[in-house]
């Protein structure tokens, strides 16, 4: 039977990555493509060259990816990012500076070729696996998604969840301001679109990633090819 593709989008800090990792243990023969991390890897590599993020205006982001030798590989059923021979860890990809720069870059760079590149990766993965994709503009990247989820939560709750990630480097109020600004940039980029087939899941009241994932699983219909354990 044909494998399927599940897209997980959502507001900044809503727990998309955690939900994807929980789904990995619930969806048989599945892998995660961290699409957002590919973009983060490109931006991280670009900034590591002491470049101004505004230099990416109207630039084909795939050219930057190739010039900086940014690659996406599959390891332990999840995609990881390499710059040259160095694997870039999650902390560097998710830090405050990279996150804000990504929100700016996605609003000014030319993403068309990168979307095609990502679509080809998903198609290649789908030949062997059920694919869980996390990222932005997933319906534009892959219009044939079998499920398109948009994860939401209150600003207050999202800031609280992000607080631990930054290890006390910023206050709750600073985080709320930071997340609100990123939300604004994402909306300007057109990355918070809701489509007729989009399933919106509010996880504000969920205490754990597993609870959030269970809400997603409730929306996945059991079929001959896919189910949530």
Protein backbone atom coordinates (compact mmCIF):
# COMPACT_ATOMS: atom_id res chain seq x y z
CA UNK A 1 0.00 0.00 0.00
CA UNK A 2 1.14 3.54 -0.68
CA UNK A 3 2.83 5.45 2.12
CA UNK A 4 1.41 8.80 3.23
CA UNK A 5 2.69 12.26 4.15
CA UNK A 6 1.57 14.08 7.31
CA UNK A 7 2.34 17.81 7.52
CA UNK A 8 2.78 19.51 10.90
CA UNK A 9 2.74 23.31 10.87
CA UNK A 10 1.87 25.74 13.63
CA UNK A 11 2.53 28.87 15.61
CA UNK A 12 6.01 29.62 16.91
CA UNK A 13 6.66 27.60 20.06
CA UNK A 14 3.52 25.46 19.77
CA UNK A 15 5.49 22.21 20.05
CA UNK A 16 5.64 21.05 16.43
CA UNK A 17 8.98 19.25 16.78
CA UNK A 18 7.97 17.46 19.96
CA UNK A 19 4.71 16.31 18.36
CA UNK A 20 6.59 15.00 15.33
CA UNK A 21 8.91 12.97 17.56
CA UNK A 22 6.00 11.50 19.47
CA UNK A 23 4.30 10.64 16.18
CA UNK A 24 7.45 8.81 15.10
CA UNK A 25 6.76 6.19 17.77
CA UNK A 26 3.06 6.00 16.90
CA UNK A 27 3.10 5.91 13.10
CA UNK A 28 4.53 2.63 11.76
CA UNK A 29 7.48 2.72 9.34
CA UNK A 30 7.79 6.49 9.63
CA UNK A 31 10.49 9.14 9.38
CA UNK A 32 10.57 12.84 10.21
CA UNK A 33 11.68 15.47 7.75
CA UNK A 34 12.52 18.58 9.77
CA UNK A 35 11.93 20.98 6.88
CA UNK A 36 12.30 24.03 9.08
CA UNK A 37 15.74 22.90 10.15
CA UNK A 38 16.93 22.89 6.54
CA UNK A 39 16.06 26.59 6.31
CA UNK A 40 17.60 27.18 9.72
CA UNK A 41 20.76 25.41 8.62
CA UNK A 42 21.11 27.64 5.58
CA UNK A 43 20.55 30.79 7.63
CA UNK A 44 22.90 29.56 10.39
CA UNK A 45 25.67 28.87 7.84
CA UNK A 46 25.08 32.26 6.21
CA UNK A 47 25.29 34.13 9.52
CA UNK A 48 28.42 32.16 10.46
CA UNK A 49 30.12 33.98 7.57
CA UNK A 50 29.33 37.28 9.31
CA UNK A 51 26.81 38.15 6.62
CA UNK A 52 23.89 40.56 7.09
CA UNK A 53 20.63 38.65 6.79
CA UNK A 54 19.19 41.47 4.66
CA UNK A 55 21.63 40.48 1.92
CA UNK A 56 19.29 37.55 1.19
CA UNK A 57 16.61 39.84 -0.25
CA UNK A 58 15.35 38.30 -3.52
CA UNK A 59 18.21 35.77 -3.47
CA UNK A 60 17.51 32.16 -4.48
CA UNK A 61 18.04 30.45 -1.12
CA UNK A 62 19.07 27.18 -2.81
CA UNK A 63 22.10 28.94 -4.29
CA UNK A 64 23.14 29.92 -0.78
CA UNK A 65 22.57 26.33 0.36
CA UNK A 66 24.86 24.98 -2.36
CA UNK A 67 27.53 27.66 -1.93
CA UNK A 68 27.75 26.99 1.82
CA UNK A 69 27.52 23.20 1.36
CA UNK A 70 24.41 22.80 3.53
CA UNK A 71 23.06 19.24 3.32
CA UNK A 72 20.13 17.32 4.77
CA UNK A 73 20.65 13.66 5.71
CA UNK A 74 18.51 10.94 7.28
CA UNK A 75 19.84 9.52 10.56
CA UNK A 76 17.89 7.42 13.07
CA UNK A 77 14.63 8.10 11.20
CA UNK A 78 15.01 11.88 11.40
CA UNK A 79 16.64 14.37 9.06
CA UNK A 80 19.72 16.20 10.31
CA UNK A 81 21.65 19.15 8.92
CA UNK A 82 25.30 19.24 7.89
CA UNK A 83 27.38 22.23 6.85
CA UNK A 84 30.32 20.68 5.08
CA UNK A 85 31.30 17.72 7.24
CA UNK A 86 29.97 19.24 10.48
CA UNK A 87 26.58 18.17 11.83
CA UNK A 88 24.80 21.22 13.26
CA UNK A 89 23.16 20.44 16.56
CA UNK A 90 19.61 21.39 17.47
CA UNK A 91 20.71 24.04 19.98
CA UNK A 92 22.48 26.08 17.29
CA UNK A 93 19.59 25.73 14.86
CA UNK A 94 16.98 26.69 17.46
CA UNK A 95 18.75 29.53 19.28
CA UNK A 96 17.18 32.97 19.53
CA UNK A 97 19.40 34.64 16.94
CA UNK A 98 18.92 31.95 14.29
CA UNK A 99 15.17 31.82 14.93
CA UNK A 100 14.69 35.54 14.41
CA UNK A 101 16.98 35.58 11.38
CA UNK A 102 15.00 32.73 9.80
CA UNK A 103 11.76 34.67 10.27
CA UNK A 104 13.37 37.65 8.47
CA UNK A 105 15.02 35.60 5.71
CA UNK A 106 11.86 33.65 4.88
CA UNK A 107 10.09 36.96 4.28
CA UNK A 108 12.68 38.40 1.86
CA UNK A 109 14.48 35.51 0.12
CA UNK A 110 13.32 33.66 -3.00
CA UNK A 111 12.12 30.28 -1.74
CA UNK A 112 10.70 28.81 -4.97
CA UNK A 113 13.58 26.48 -5.84
CA UNK A 114 13.98 25.39 -2.22
CA UNK A 115 10.33 24.32 -2.15
CA UNK A 116 10.95 22.16 -5.23
CA UNK A 117 14.07 20.72 -3.61
CA UNK A 118 12.11 19.87 -0.45
CA UNK A 119 9.28 18.32 -2.48
CA UNK A 120 11.75 15.99 -4.17
CA UNK A 121 13.17 14.92 -0.80
CA UNK A 122 9.68 14.12 0.49
CA UNK A 123 8.87 12.10 -2.62
CA UNK A 124 12.09 10.12 -2.25
CA UNK A 125 11.38 9.39 1.42
CA UNK A 126 7.78 8.44 0.65
CA UNK A 127 8.99 5.60 -1.56
CA UNK A 128 10.10 3.75 1.60
CA UNK A 129 8.40 5.42 4.56
CA UNK A 130 5.39 7.22 5.93
CA UNK A 131 6.70 10.78 6.12
CA UNK A 132 6.04 13.25 8.95
CA UNK A 133 7.02 16.73 7.75
CA UNK A 134 7.55 19.70 10.04
CA UNK A 135 8.01 23.17 8.61
CA UNK A 136 6.36 26.18 7.00
CA UNK A 137 4.28 26.55 3.83
CA UNK A 138 3.85 22.79 3.65
CA UNK A 139 0.81 22.94 1.39
CA UNK A 140 2.83 24.99 -1.10
CA UNK A 141 5.79 22.65 -0.85
CA UNK A 142 3.70 19.48 -0.99
CA UNK A 143 0.08 20.07 -2.10
CA UNK A 144 -0.71 16.34 -1.93
CA UNK A 145 -0.36 16.09 1.86
CA UNK A 146 -2.61 13.36 3.23
CA UNK A 147 -3.01 15.32 6.46
CA UNK A 148 -2.23 18.99 7.09
CA UNK A 149 -2.19 19.94 10.77
CA UNK A 150 -1.82 23.45 12.16
CA UNK A 151 -0.86 23.48 15.86
CA UNK A 152 -1.88 26.44 18.00
CA UNK A 153 -1.52 27.51 21.62
CA UNK A 154 -1.83 30.77 23.54
CA UNK A 155 1.09 33.21 23.47
CA UNK A 156 1.48 32.87 27.24
CA UNK A 157 1.71 29.09 27.05
CA UNK A 158 4.12 29.11 24.14
CA UNK A 159 6.43 31.53 25.94
CA UNK A 160 6.41 29.36 29.06
CA UNK A 161 7.36 26.29 27.02
CA UNK A 162 10.21 28.16 25.32
CA UNK A 163 11.55 29.51 28.62
CA UNK A 164 13.42 26.31 29.48
CA UNK A 165 14.96 26.14 26.02
CA UNK A 166 16.77 29.45 26.54
CA UNK A 167 18.15 28.44 29.96
CA UNK A 168 17.18 31.63 31.75
CA UNK A 169 18.89 33.87 29.20
CA UNK A 170 15.68 35.85 28.69
CA UNK A 171 12.64 36.66 30.80
CA UNK A 172 9.12 35.44 30.14
CA UNK A 173 8.06 38.92 28.99
CA UNK A 174 11.03 39.16 26.62
CA UNK A 175 10.15 35.76 25.20
CA UNK A 176 6.52 36.77 24.66
CA UNK A 177 7.70 39.85 22.78
CA UNK A 178 10.17 37.77 20.75
CA UNK A 179 7.55 35.15 19.84
CA UNK A 180 4.95 37.80 18.97
CA UNK A 181 7.45 39.45 16.63
CA UNK A 182 8.24 36.14 14.96
CA UNK A 183 4.51 35.44 14.61
CA UNK A 184 4.15 38.78 12.85
CA UNK A 185 7.02 38.02 10.46
CA UNK A 186 5.68 34.54 9.73
CA UNK A 187 2.27 35.96 8.89
CA UNK A 188 3.83 38.54 6.57
CA UNK A 189 5.65 35.67 4.86
CA UNK A 190 2.30 33.95 4.30
CA UNK A 191 3.27 30.96 6.45
CA UNK A 192 0.20 30.80 8.69
CA UNK A 193 -2.31 29.96 5.98
CA UNK A 194 -5.27 27.75 6.80
CA UNK A 195 -6.56 25.66 3.89
CA UNK A 196 -9.91 23.86 3.45
CA UNK A 197 -8.26 20.56 4.41
CA UNK A 198 -6.25 22.00 7.32
CA UNK A 199 -6.95 20.46 10.73
CA UNK A 200 -6.32 23.01 13.49
CA UNK A 201 -5.35 21.56 16.86
CA UNK A 202 -5.18 23.79 19.96
CA UNK A 203 -2.73 22.35 22.51
CA UNK A 204 -2.85 25.18 25.07
CA UNK A 205 -4.29 22.93 27.77
CA UNK A 206 -2.01 19.97 27.04
CA UNK A 207 0.52 19.32 29.81
CA UNK A 208 2.90 17.14 27.80
CA UNK A 209 3.99 16.56 24.21
CA UNK A 210 2.28 13.18 24.39
CA UNK A 211 -1.06 14.82 25.24
CA UNK A 212 -0.63 17.18 22.28
CA UNK A 213 0.21 14.26 20.01
CA UNK A 214 -2.82 12.31 21.16
CA UNK A 215 -5.02 15.22 20.03
CA UNK A 216 -3.39 14.99 16.60
CA UNK A 217 -3.82 11.22 16.52
CA UNK A 218 -7.52 11.55 17.24
CA UNK A 219 -7.81 13.29 13.88
CA UNK A 220 -5.94 10.64 11.91
CA UNK A 221 -8.42 8.13 10.63
CA UNK A 222 -7.45 4.49 10.95
CA UNK A 223 -7.00 2.93 7.51
CA UNK A 224 -5.29 -0.10 6.02
CA UNK A 225 -2.06 1.85 5.61
CA UNK A 226 -1.76 4.21 8.57
CA UNK A 227 -2.78 4.43 12.19
CA UNK A 228 -1.64 5.86 15.52
CA UNK A 229 -0.58 3.25 18.08
